[in-house]
């Protein structure tokens, strides 16, 4: 059983998937920081809120100082800022993946379009042809 597990792990697909998951998690943290620390403050400035992610609609009728306090109290709230933050995260990640897939497809096309060199037989026949021409 241990040998089967080692063989399973040693397959290229499993290792590539593990690397992709780890890189994806790290990339997700970078995108979260980009949205929370750069994009949301700009959007918040436009709408007059210092922290856009805390914009919410309070349905409970009680007053809460922040979105986090309202959620912690179990109040019924609609987290508009949190939703827009999630949408922005998704759009940035989707665009980054689009660029990666697009560049990978271009590299595949370039590799496929590159003509292969002549085969050994073609080289030999060319040499024979050139030698015969020289003898004339």
Protein backbone atom coordinates (compact mmCIF):
# COMPACT_ATOMS: atom_id res chain seq x y z
CA UNK A 1 0.00 0.00 0.00
CA UNK A 2 2.86 2.38 0.77
CA UNK A 3 4.43 1.66 -2.63
CA UNK A 4 1.12 2.39 -4.37
CA UNK A 5 0.82 5.67 -2.48
CA UNK A 6 4.39 6.64 -3.44
CA UNK A 7 3.69 5.81 -7.09
CA UNK A 8 0.48 7.86 -6.94
CA UNK A 9 2.27 10.87 -5.49
CA UNK A 10 5.17 10.53 -7.93
CA UNK A 11 2.89 10.96 -10.93
CA UNK A 12 3.40 14.29 -12.64
CA UNK A 13 -0.25 15.33 -12.56
CA UNK A 14 -0.54 15.05 -8.79
CA UNK A 15 2.59 17.10 -8.19
CA UNK A 16 1.54 19.73 -10.73
CA UNK A 17 -1.88 19.97 -9.10
CA UNK A 18 -0.32 20.39 -5.65
CA UNK A 19 1.94 23.16 -6.90
CA UNK A 20 -1.01 24.84 -8.65
CA UNK A 21 -3.11 24.77 -5.46
CA UNK A 22 -0.31 26.27 -3.38
CA UNK A 23 0.42 28.99 -5.94
CA UNK A 24 -3.30 29.64 -6.33
CA UNK A 25 -3.71 30.12 -2.58
CA UNK A 26 -0.80 32.55 -2.50
CA UNK A 27 -2.15 34.37 -5.56
CA UNK A 28 -5.55 34.62 -3.86
CA UNK A 29 -3.96 36.33 -0.85
CA UNK A 30 -2.21 38.80 -3.15
CA UNK A 31 -5.49 39.60 -4.90
CA UNK A 32 -7.30 39.96 -1.57
CA UNK A 33 -4.67 42.45 -0.44
CA UNK A 34 -4.84 44.32 -3.75
CA UNK A 35 -8.60 44.67 -3.47
CA UNK A 36 -8.76 45.39 0.29
CA UNK A 37 -5.74 47.68 0.52
CA UNK A 38 -5.72 49.49 -2.84
CA UNK A 39 -8.97 49.21 -4.81
CA UNK A 40 -11.53 49.37 -1.98
CA UNK A 41 -10.09 52.55 -0.44
CA UNK A 42 -10.32 54.24 -3.85
CA UNK A 43 -13.92 53.10 -4.30
CA UNK A 44 -14.63 54.09 -0.69
CA UNK A 45 -13.22 57.55 -1.37
CA UNK A 46 -15.52 57.91 -4.36
CA UNK A 47 -18.57 56.93 -2.29
CA UNK A 48 -17.47 58.83 0.81
CA UNK A 49 -16.73 55.81 2.98
CA UNK A 50 -13.21 55.31 4.40
CA UNK A 51 -13.56 51.53 4.32
CA UNK A 52 -15.72 50.37 1.44
CA UNK A 53 -15.81 46.75 2.60
CA UNK A 54 -17.82 47.84 5.66
CA UNK A 55 -20.68 49.34 3.65
CA UNK A 56 -23.86 47.49 4.50
CA UNK A 57 -27.63 47.83 4.60
CA UNK A 58 -29.04 47.28 8.06
CA UNK A 59 -32.35 45.43 8.02
CA UNK A 60 -32.64 44.90 11.79
CA UNK A 61 -33.52 48.46 12.83
CA UNK A 62 -30.74 48.49 15.44
CA UNK A 63 -27.71 50.74 15.14
CA UNK A 64 -24.23 49.20 14.80
CA UNK A 65 -20.95 51.05 14.36
CA UNK A 66 -19.53 48.62 11.79
CA UNK A 67 -20.53 45.79 9.49
CA UNK A 68 -18.43 43.39 11.58
CA UNK A 69 -20.26 44.43 14.76
CA UNK A 70 -23.64 43.93 13.08
CA UNK A 71 -22.67 40.47 11.86
CA UNK A 72 -21.26 39.54 15.26
CA UNK A 73 -24.52 40.58 16.91
CA UNK A 74 -26.43 38.38 14.46
CA UNK A 75 -28.34 41.29 12.97
CA UNK A 76 -29.89 40.96 9.55
CA UNK A 77 -27.67 42.96 7.21
CA UNK A 78 -26.85 43.02 3.53
CA UNK A 79 -23.10 43.31 3.08
CA UNK A 80 -22.96 45.42 -0.06
CA UNK A 81 -19.26 46.26 0.35
CA UNK A 82 -18.28 42.66 1.10
CA UNK A 83 -20.20 41.47 -1.97
CA UNK A 84 -18.61 44.06 -4.25
CA UNK A 85 -15.20 43.15 -2.81
CA UNK A 86 -15.83 39.49 -3.69
CA UNK A 87 -16.92 40.44 -7.22
CA UNK A 88 -13.79 42.57 -7.71
CA UNK A 89 -11.63 39.68 -6.43
CA UNK A 90 -13.30 37.32 -8.89
CA UNK A 91 -12.88 39.67 -11.84
CA UNK A 92 -9.19 40.24 -11.13
CA UNK A 93 -8.49 36.51 -10.72
CA UNK A 94 -10.52 35.67 -13.84
CA UNK A 95 -8.62 38.29 -15.86
CA UNK A 96 -5.26 37.01 -14.60
CA UNK A 97 -6.22 33.44 -15.52
CA UNK A 98 -7.38 34.64 -18.92
CA UNK A 99 -3.96 36.21 -19.52
CA UNK A 100 -2.17 33.03 -18.40
CA UNK A 101 -4.29 30.75 -20.62
CA UNK A 102 -3.97 33.17 -23.53
CA UNK A 103 -0.18 33.24 -23.30
CA UNK A 104 -0.03 29.45 -22.92
CA UNK A 105 -2.16 29.02 -26.06
CA UNK A 106 0.11 31.40 -27.97
CA UNK A 107 3.17 29.43 -26.90
CA UNK A 108 1.52 26.21 -28.08
CA UNK A 109 0.71 27.80 -31.45
CA UNK A 110 4.28 29.04 -31.83
CA UNK A 111 5.66 25.59 -31.07
CA UNK A 112 3.26 23.95 -33.50
CA UNK A 113 3.91 26.54 -36.20
CA UNK A 114 7.69 26.19 -36.04
CA UNK A 115 8.67 23.96 -38.95
CA UNK A 116 10.66 20.91 -38.05
CA UNK A 117 14.13 20.62 -39.51
CA UNK A 118 14.80 18.25 -42.38
CA UNK A 119 14.99 14.57 -41.56
CA UNK A 120 18.23 12.63 -41.86
CA UNK A 121 17.03 11.12 -45.11
CA UNK A 122 16.28 14.53 -46.60
CA UNK A 123 19.72 15.81 -45.59
CA UNK A 124 21.39 12.76 -47.13
CA UNK A 125 19.39 13.05 -50.36
CA UNK A 126 20.26 16.76 -50.57
CA UNK A 127 23.95 15.94 -50.21
CA UNK A 128 23.70 13.26 -52.91
CA UNK A 129 21.88 15.66 -55.24
CA UNK A 130 24.48 18.38 -54.67
CA UNK A 131 27.33 15.90 -55.26
CA UNK A 132 25.77 14.76 -58.55
CA UNK A 133 25.40 18.38 -59.70
CA UNK A 134 29.06 19.01 -58.98
CA UNK A 135 30.10 16.02 -61.12
CA UNK A 136 28.40 17.43 -64.24
